[in-house]
Amino acid sequence: MYLHIGDNGCIRESDVIGIFDLEVATTMKTTAEFLLASQEEGFTVNVVDRGEMPKSFILADTEGVSRVYISPVSTMTLYKRVSGGSRRKR
């Protein structure tokens, strides 16, 4: 299955390592440094359209290559998409 992460961005659910709230995570120095380093090293993919605010980032590993996807979709919405929302029973 694929996870729609905003604009035209989709990634395989099995590649997702974590979904993080951008506002909360960047208050931590180490996370802010990680995001800056990933951007400088070219591992960041921005799927935020003009006029949209980034709300989350998704850490994914595709065929041994780590990527950080900056998304306009909230962490709760992404989680619901991954978990199937109310469609799946726990």
C-alpha atoms as a PDB file:
ATOM      1  CA  MET A   1       0.000   0.000   0.000  1.00  0.00           C
ATOM      2  CA  TYR A   2       1.033   3.580  -0.568  1.00  0.00           C
ATOM      3  CA  LEU A   3       0.750   6.555   1.737  1.00  0.00           C
ATOM      4  CA  HIS A   4      -0.299   9.869   0.182  1.00  0.00           C
ATOM      5  CA  ILE A   5       1.793  12.522   1.926  1.00  0.00           C
ATOM      6  CA  GLY A   6       0.623  15.663   0.130  1.00  0.00           C
ATOM      7  CA  ASP A   7       0.619  17.268  -3.298  1.00  0.00           C
ATOM      8  CA  ASN A   8       1.647  14.437  -5.641  1.00  0.00           C
ATOM      9  CA  GLY A   9       3.797  12.656  -3.077  1.00  0.00           C
ATOM     10  CA  CYS A  10       3.310   8.993  -2.250  1.00  0.00           C
ATOM     11  CA  ILE A  11       5.589   6.552  -0.492  1.00  0.00           C
ATOM     12  CA  ARG A  12       5.233   2.874   0.323  1.00  0.00           C
ATOM     13  CA  GLU A  13       3.845   2.312   3.795  1.00  0.00           C
ATOM     14  CA  SER A  14       6.443  -0.395   4.387  1.00  0.00           C
ATOM     15  CA  ASP A  15       9.212   2.215   3.861  1.00  0.00           C
ATOM     16  CA  VAL A  16       7.935   4.486   6.647  1.00  0.00           C
ATOM     17  CA  ILE A  17      10.141   4.567   9.732  1.00  0.00           C
ATOM     18  CA  GLY A  18       8.345   7.372  11.552  1.00  0.00           C
ATOM     19  CA  ILE A  19       5.892  10.239  11.235  1.00  0.00           C
ATOM     20  CA  PHE A  20       6.663  13.363  13.246  1.00  0.00           C
ATOM     21  CA  ASP A  21       4.922  16.642  14.017  1.00  0.00           C
ATOM     22  CA  LEU A  22       7.204  19.314  12.580  1.00  0.00           C
ATOM     23  CA  GLU A  23       6.365  22.026  15.102  1.00  0.00           C
ATOM     24  CA  VAL A  24       6.867  19.799  18.134  1.00  0.00           C
ATOM     25  CA  ALA A  25       9.938  17.967  16.839  1.00  0.00           C
ATOM     26  CA  THR A  26      11.861  21.076  15.818  1.00  0.00           C
ATOM     27  CA  THR A  27      11.728  22.439  19.369  1.00  0.00           C
ATOM     28  CA  MET A  28      14.307  19.764  20.182  1.00  0.00           C
ATOM     29  CA  LYS A  29      17.831  20.805  19.241  1.00  0.00           C
ATOM     30  CA  THR A  30      18.922  17.373  17.998  1.00  0.00           C
ATOM     31  CA  THR A  31      15.894  17.020  15.728  1.00  0.00           C
ATOM     32  CA  ALA A  32      16.381  20.496  14.285  1.00  0.00           C
ATOM     33  CA  GLU A  33      20.041  19.653  13.629  1.00  0.00           C
ATOM     34  CA  PHE A  34      19.039  16.348  11.999  1.00  0.00           C
ATOM     35  CA  LEU A  35      16.577  18.095   9.670  1.00  0.00           C
ATOM     36  CA  LEU A  36      19.146  20.728   8.735  1.00  0.00           C
ATOM     37  CA  ALA A  37      21.799  18.076   8.028  1.00  0.00           C
ATOM     38  CA  SER A  38      19.398  15.979   5.940  1.00  0.00           C
ATOM     39  CA  GLN A  39      18.529  19.053   3.879  1.00  0.00           C
ATOM     40  CA  GLU A  40      22.186  20.011   3.387  1.00  0.00           C
ATOM     41  CA  GLU A  41      23.066  16.451   2.345  1.00  0.00           C
ATOM     42  CA  GLY A  42      20.192  16.251  -0.152  1.00  0.00           C
ATOM     43  CA  PHE A  43      18.041  13.687   1.658  1.00  0.00           C
ATOM     44  CA  THR A  44      15.040  15.985   2.087  1.00  0.00           C
ATOM     45  CA  VAL A  45      12.065  15.876  -0.266  1.00  0.00           C
ATOM     46  CA  ASN A  46       9.638  18.768   0.081  1.00  0.00           C
ATOM     47  CA  VAL A  47       6.070  17.963  -1.014  1.00  0.00           C
ATOM     48  CA  VAL A  48       4.600  21.204   0.322  1.00  0.00           C
ATOM     49  CA  ASP A  49       2.894  23.329  -2.332  1.00  0.00           C
ATOM     50  CA  ARG A  50       3.189  27.099  -2.344  1.00  0.00           C
ATOM     51  CA  GLY A  51       0.827  28.687   0.125  1.00  0.00           C
ATOM     52  CA  GLU A  52       0.726  25.591   2.331  1.00  0.00           C
ATOM     53  CA  MET A  53       2.427  25.283   5.686  1.00  0.00           C
ATOM     54  CA  PRO A  54       4.541  22.212   6.445  1.00  0.00           C
ATOM     55  CA  LYS A  55       2.991  20.265   9.309  1.00  0.00           C
ATOM     56  CA  SER A  56       4.905  17.021   9.507  1.00  0.00           C
ATOM     57  CA  PHE A  57       7.886  15.098   8.320  1.00  0.00           C
ATOM     58  CA  ILE A  58       8.123  11.451   7.442  1.00  0.00           C
ATOM     59  CA  LEU A  59      11.334   9.491   7.800  1.00  0.00           C
ATOM     60  CA  ALA A  60      11.456   6.669   5.260  1.00  0.00           C
ATOM     61  CA  ASP A  61      13.984   4.141   4.026  1.00  0.00           C
ATOM     62  CA  THR A  62      13.651   3.110   0.400  1.00  0.00           C
ATOM     63  CA  GLU A  63      16.038   0.434  -0.797  1.00  0.00           C
ATOM     64  CA  GLY A  64      18.642   1.432   1.787  1.00  0.00           C
ATOM     65  CA  VAL A  65      18.379   5.184   1.131  1.00  0.00           C
ATOM     66  CA  SER A  66      16.950   7.302   3.929  1.00  0.00           C
ATOM     67  CA  ARG A  67      14.737  10.243   3.003  1.00  0.00           C
ATOM     68  CA  VAL A  68      12.989  12.951   4.983  1.00  0.00           C
ATOM     69  CA  TYR A  69       9.696  14.029   3.409  1.00  0.00           C
ATOM     70  CA  ILE A  70       8.347  17.426   4.476  1.00  0.00           C
ATOM     71  CA  SER A  71       4.553  17.282   4.261  1.00  0.00           C
ATOM     72  CA  PRO A  72       1.600  19.660   4.570  1.00  0.00           C
ATOM     73  CA  VAL A  73      -0.497  16.810   5.987  1.00  0.00           C
ATOM     74  CA  SER A  74      -0.915  16.580   9.767  1.00  0.00           C
ATOM     75  CA  THR A  75       0.548  13.671  11.692  1.00  0.00           C
ATOM     76  CA  MET A  76      -2.935  12.560  12.779  1.00  0.00           C
ATOM     77  CA  THR A  77      -4.169  12.397   9.179  1.00  0.00           C
ATOM     78  CA  LEU A  78      -1.071  10.489   8.079  1.00  0.00           C
ATOM     79  CA  TYR A  79      -1.481   8.078  10.985  1.00  0.00           C
ATOM     80  CA  LYS A  80      -5.124   7.479  10.066  1.00  0.00           C
ATOM     81  CA  ARG A  81      -4.112   6.805   6.466  1.00  0.00           C
ATOM     82  CA  VAL A  82      -1.471   4.294   7.550  1.00  0.00           C
ATOM     83  CA  SER A  83      -3.665   2.578  10.134  1.00  0.00           C
ATOM     84  CA  GLY A  84      -6.725   2.545   7.906  1.00  0.00           C
ATOM     85  CA  GLY A  85      -8.636   4.965  10.122  1.00  0.00           C
ATOM     86  CA  SER A  86     -11.797   3.313  11.378  1.00  0.00           C
ATOM     87  CA  ARG A  87     -11.698   0.636   8.664  1.00  0.00           C
ATOM     88  CA  ARG A  88      -9.325  -1.669  10.536  1.00  0.00           C
ATOM     89  CA  LYS A  89     -10.143  -3.379  13.783  1.00  0.00           C
ATOM     90  CA  ARG A  90      -7.429  -3.564  16.412  1.00  0.00           C
END
